[in-house]
């Protein structure tokens, strides 16, 4: 993993902090942090993007 890498859901790594990664949504620019091992499966949960990324919660 490296800064600038993007997963299938359009979440881009903005910083690496030990076992955590800071992410930003390429669509709405919502930012957040997740454990590094969850990066590939992390989707944007914002009101703007959440419904368009297969979330049902």
N, C-alpha and C. Protein backbone atom coordinates (compact mmCIF):
# COMPACT_ATOMS: atom_id res chain seq x y z
N UNK A 1 0.84 -1.19 0.00
CA UNK A 1 0.00 0.00 0.00
C UNK A 1 0.88 1.24 0.00
N UNK A 2 0.39 2.26 -0.71
CA UNK A 2 1.14 3.51 -0.74
C UNK A 2 0.17 4.67 -0.92
N UNK A 3 0.60 5.86 -0.57
CA UNK A 3 -0.22 7.05 -0.72
C UNK A 3 -0.58 7.21 -2.19
N UNK A 4 -1.84 7.49 -2.46
CA UNK A 4 -2.33 7.66 -3.82
C UNK A 4 -3.00 6.43 -4.38
N UNK A 5 -2.79 5.28 -3.75
CA UNK A 5 -3.42 4.04 -4.22
C UNK A 5 -4.93 4.14 -4.02
N UNK A 6 -5.70 3.58 -4.95
CA UNK A 6 -7.16 3.65 -4.90
C UNK A 6 -7.73 2.24 -4.98
N UNK A 7 -8.82 1.99 -4.21
CA UNK A 7 -9.45 0.67 -4.27
C UNK A 7 -10.60 0.68 -5.28
N UNK A 8 -11.29 -0.44 -5.41
CA UNK A 8 -12.38 -0.58 -6.38
C UNK A 8 -13.53 0.38 -6.15
N UNK A 9 -13.67 0.88 -4.93
CA UNK A 9 -14.79 1.74 -4.57
C UNK A 9 -14.43 3.22 -4.66
N UNK A 10 -13.25 3.54 -5.17
CA UNK A 10 -12.86 4.94 -5.34
C UNK A 10 -12.31 5.60 -4.10
N UNK A 11 -11.93 4.81 -3.10
CA UNK A 11 -11.33 5.36 -1.89
C UNK A 11 -9.81 5.43 -2.11
N UNK A 12 -9.24 6.61 -1.93
CA UNK A 12 -7.82 6.84 -2.19
C UNK A 12 -7.07 7.06 -0.88
N UNK A 13 -5.89 6.44 -0.75
CA UNK A 13 -5.06 6.59 0.44
C UNK A 13 -4.41 7.97 0.42
N UNK A 14 -4.59 8.72 1.50
CA UNK A 14 -3.96 10.03 1.62
C UNK A 14 -2.81 10.02 2.62
N UNK A 15 -2.78 9.03 3.52
CA UNK A 15 -1.69 8.92 4.49
C UNK A 15 -1.67 7.52 5.10
N UNK A 16 -0.49 7.07 5.46
CA UNK A 16 -0.31 5.80 6.16
C UNK A 16 0.13 6.13 7.58
N UNK A 17 -0.55 5.52 8.56
CA UNK A 17 -0.24 5.77 9.96
C UNK A 17 -0.18 4.44 10.70
N UNK A 18 0.97 3.80 10.64
CA UNK A 18 1.11 2.49 11.28
C UNK A 18 0.20 1.49 10.62
N UNK A 19 -0.73 0.92 11.40
CA UNK A 19 -1.66 -0.08 10.85
C UNK A 19 -2.95 0.54 10.34
N UNK A 20 -3.03 1.86 10.34
CA UNK A 20 -4.22 2.58 9.86
C UNK A 20 -3.88 3.33 8.57
N UNK A 21 -4.88 3.53 7.74
CA UNK A 21 -4.71 4.35 6.54
C UNK A 21 -5.78 5.44 6.54
N UNK A 22 -5.39 6.63 6.14
CA UNK A 22 -6.34 7.73 5.96
C UNK A 22 -6.80 7.66 4.51
N UNK A 23 -8.11 7.78 4.32
CA UNK A 23 -8.70 7.65 2.99
C UNK A 23 -9.51 8.89 2.64
N UNK A 24 -9.68 9.10 1.33
CA UNK A 24 -10.56 10.15 0.85
C UNK A 24 -11.33 9.59 -0.34
N UNK A 25 -12.62 9.88 -0.38
CA UNK A 25 -13.46 9.44 -1.50
C UNK A 25 -13.15 10.30 -2.72
N UNK A 26 -12.88 9.65 -3.84
CA UNK A 26 -12.56 10.37 -5.07
C UNK A 26 -13.77 11.13 -5.61
N UNK A 27 -14.98 10.72 -5.23
CA UNK A 27 -16.20 11.34 -5.74
C UNK A 27 -16.62 12.56 -4.92
N UNK A 28 -16.76 12.38 -3.60
CA UNK A 28 -17.29 13.47 -2.77
C UNK A 28 -16.26 14.06 -1.82
N UNK A 29 -15.07 13.48 -1.77
CA UNK A 29 -13.95 13.96 -0.94
C UNK A 29 -14.19 13.83 0.56
N UNK A 30 -15.10 12.95 0.97
CA UNK A 30 -15.26 12.63 2.37
C UNK A 30 -14.03 11.88 2.83
N UNK A 31 -13.49 12.24 3.99
CA UNK A 31 -12.26 11.63 4.49
C UNK A 31 -12.57 10.76 5.70
N UNK A 32 -11.70 9.77 5.93
CA UNK A 32 -11.84 8.89 7.08
C UNK A 32 -10.61 8.03 7.23
N UNK A 33 -10.59 7.20 8.27
CA UNK A 33 -9.48 6.28 8.54
C UNK A 33 -10.02 4.89 8.76
N UNK A 34 -9.28 3.90 8.30
CA UNK A 34 -9.65 2.50 8.50
C UNK A 34 -8.40 1.69 8.76
N UNK A 35 -8.54 0.51 9.39
CA UNK A 35 -7.39 -0.39 9.51
C UNK A 35 -6.89 -0.77 8.11
N UNK A 36 -5.59 -0.85 7.94
CA UNK A 36 -4.98 -1.13 6.64
C UNK A 36 -5.55 -2.40 6.00
N UNK A 37 -5.82 -3.43 6.80
CA UNK A 37 -6.31 -4.69 6.23
C UNK A 37 -7.73 -4.57 5.66
N UNK A 38 -8.44 -3.49 5.98
CA UNK A 38 -9.80 -3.29 5.47
C UNK A 38 -9.85 -2.36 4.26
N UNK A 39 -8.69 -1.85 3.83
CA UNK A 39 -8.67 -0.86 2.74
C UNK A 39 -9.38 -1.32 1.48
N UNK A 40 -9.09 -2.53 1.01
CA UNK A 40 -9.65 -3.00 -0.26
C UNK A 40 -11.17 -3.15 -0.23
N UNK A 41 -11.76 -3.33 0.94
CA UNK A 41 -13.21 -3.52 1.03
C UNK A 41 -13.94 -2.29 1.57
N UNK A 42 -13.23 -1.18 1.76
CA UNK A 42 -13.85 0.02 2.32
C UNK A 42 -14.55 0.84 1.25
N UNK A 43 -15.79 1.21 1.57
CA UNK A 43 -16.61 2.04 0.67
C UNK A 43 -16.90 3.35 1.35
N UNK A 44 -17.25 4.35 0.57
CA UNK A 44 -17.65 5.63 1.13
C UNK A 44 -19.01 5.48 1.80
N UNK A 45 -19.15 5.99 3.00
CA UNK A 45 -20.41 5.89 3.72
C UNK A 45 -21.15 7.21 3.81
N UNK A 46 -20.72 8.20 3.04
CA UNK A 46 -21.39 9.50 3.12
C UNK A 46 -22.80 9.43 2.54
N UNK A 47 -23.62 10.41 2.88
CA UNK A 47 -24.98 10.47 2.35
C UNK A 47 -24.95 10.60 0.84
N UNK A 48 -23.98 11.30 0.32
CA UNK A 48 -23.90 11.52 -1.13
C UNK A 48 -23.54 10.26 -1.90
N UNK A 49 -22.59 9.47 -1.38
CA UNK A 49 -22.10 8.30 -2.12
C UNK A 49 -22.62 6.96 -1.63
N UNK A 50 -22.95 6.86 -0.37
CA UNK A 50 -23.30 5.58 0.21
C UNK A 50 -24.30 4.76 -0.56
N UNK A 51 -25.35 5.39 -1.03
CA UNK A 51 -26.40 4.66 -1.74
C UNK A 51 -25.97 4.17 -3.11
N UNK A 52 -24.92 4.75 -3.66
CA UNK A 52 -24.49 4.35 -5.01
C UNK A 52 -23.42 3.28 -4.98
N UNK A 53 -23.03 2.83 -3.78
CA UNK A 53 -21.94 1.85 -3.68
C UNK A 53 -22.39 0.53 -3.09
N UNK A 54 -23.64 0.20 -3.23
CA UNK A 54 -24.13 -1.10 -2.80
C UNK A 54 -24.43 -1.23 -1.32
N UNK A 55 -24.47 -0.14 -0.61
CA UNK A 55 -24.76 -0.22 0.83
C UNK A 55 -26.26 -0.35 1.04
N UNK A 56 -26.64 -1.18 2.00
CA UNK A 56 -28.07 -1.36 2.28
C UNK A 56 -28.41 -0.99 3.71
N UNK A 57 -27.44 -0.44 4.44
CA UNK A 57 -27.68 -0.09 5.83
C UNK A 57 -28.23 1.31 6.01
